[in-house]
Amino acid sequence: MWPEKHPICINCFKIQHICTFIYLLSRLMPYYLLILLVPFGLFVGLWASGKRTNRHSGLAAALATAFGLGISLFAVYERAYGSYSWEWATFGSKALYFTLQVDALTAVLLVMVHLVALLVQLYSRDYMPHEANLYRYFAFIQLFLFSMVGILLSRSLLVMYIFWELVGVSSYLLIGFWL
């Protein structure tokens, strides 16, 4: 029932299918978990595949980031806020929880981070086609995007610190790409 009533999807058949796809994915798992897992999965995939994906790594990274941008826009438009939490570790009667949360500010910042990352990847695709290890560069950008999204989604200081350190590691890897 949702896709037919959606005001954006009334005029364009293709947008209706995209919105339906995102809606169905959000029923399988929380969309903010999907936003976090797509860049990490692409990082692992690009890193593991090596130079075989060198030519298509920029396109794959841009498509994955555009997918994350679409889900972020969905969260802003639908005001789909919430949190996802699971127990990480237990110390006696105390427990540490790994919690991801999306509120209005987080949703807007997710759109901004994905948009900037998409623009960087589109520019890099055309600017660096001659690089020998292009797959590594786009894998590192996906790791950076994963870390930034993790900072935005984190609800606790410990989880934010972990993602902050990952931002430092991925920045080091991106800077060291040309060394």
Foldseek 3Di string as FASTA:
>chain_A
DVLCPDVVCVPPVVVSVLVVVLVVVCVVDNVLVVLLVLLLVLLVVLVVVFQVCLLPLLVSLLVSLVNQLVNLVVCQVVVPWDKDKDWDDDDPPDTDIWMFTDGNVLSVVSNVLSVVLNVVSVVCSVPPSPDRGNSNLSSLSSQLSSLVSQLSGTDDPVSNVVSVVSNVVSVVSNVPVVD
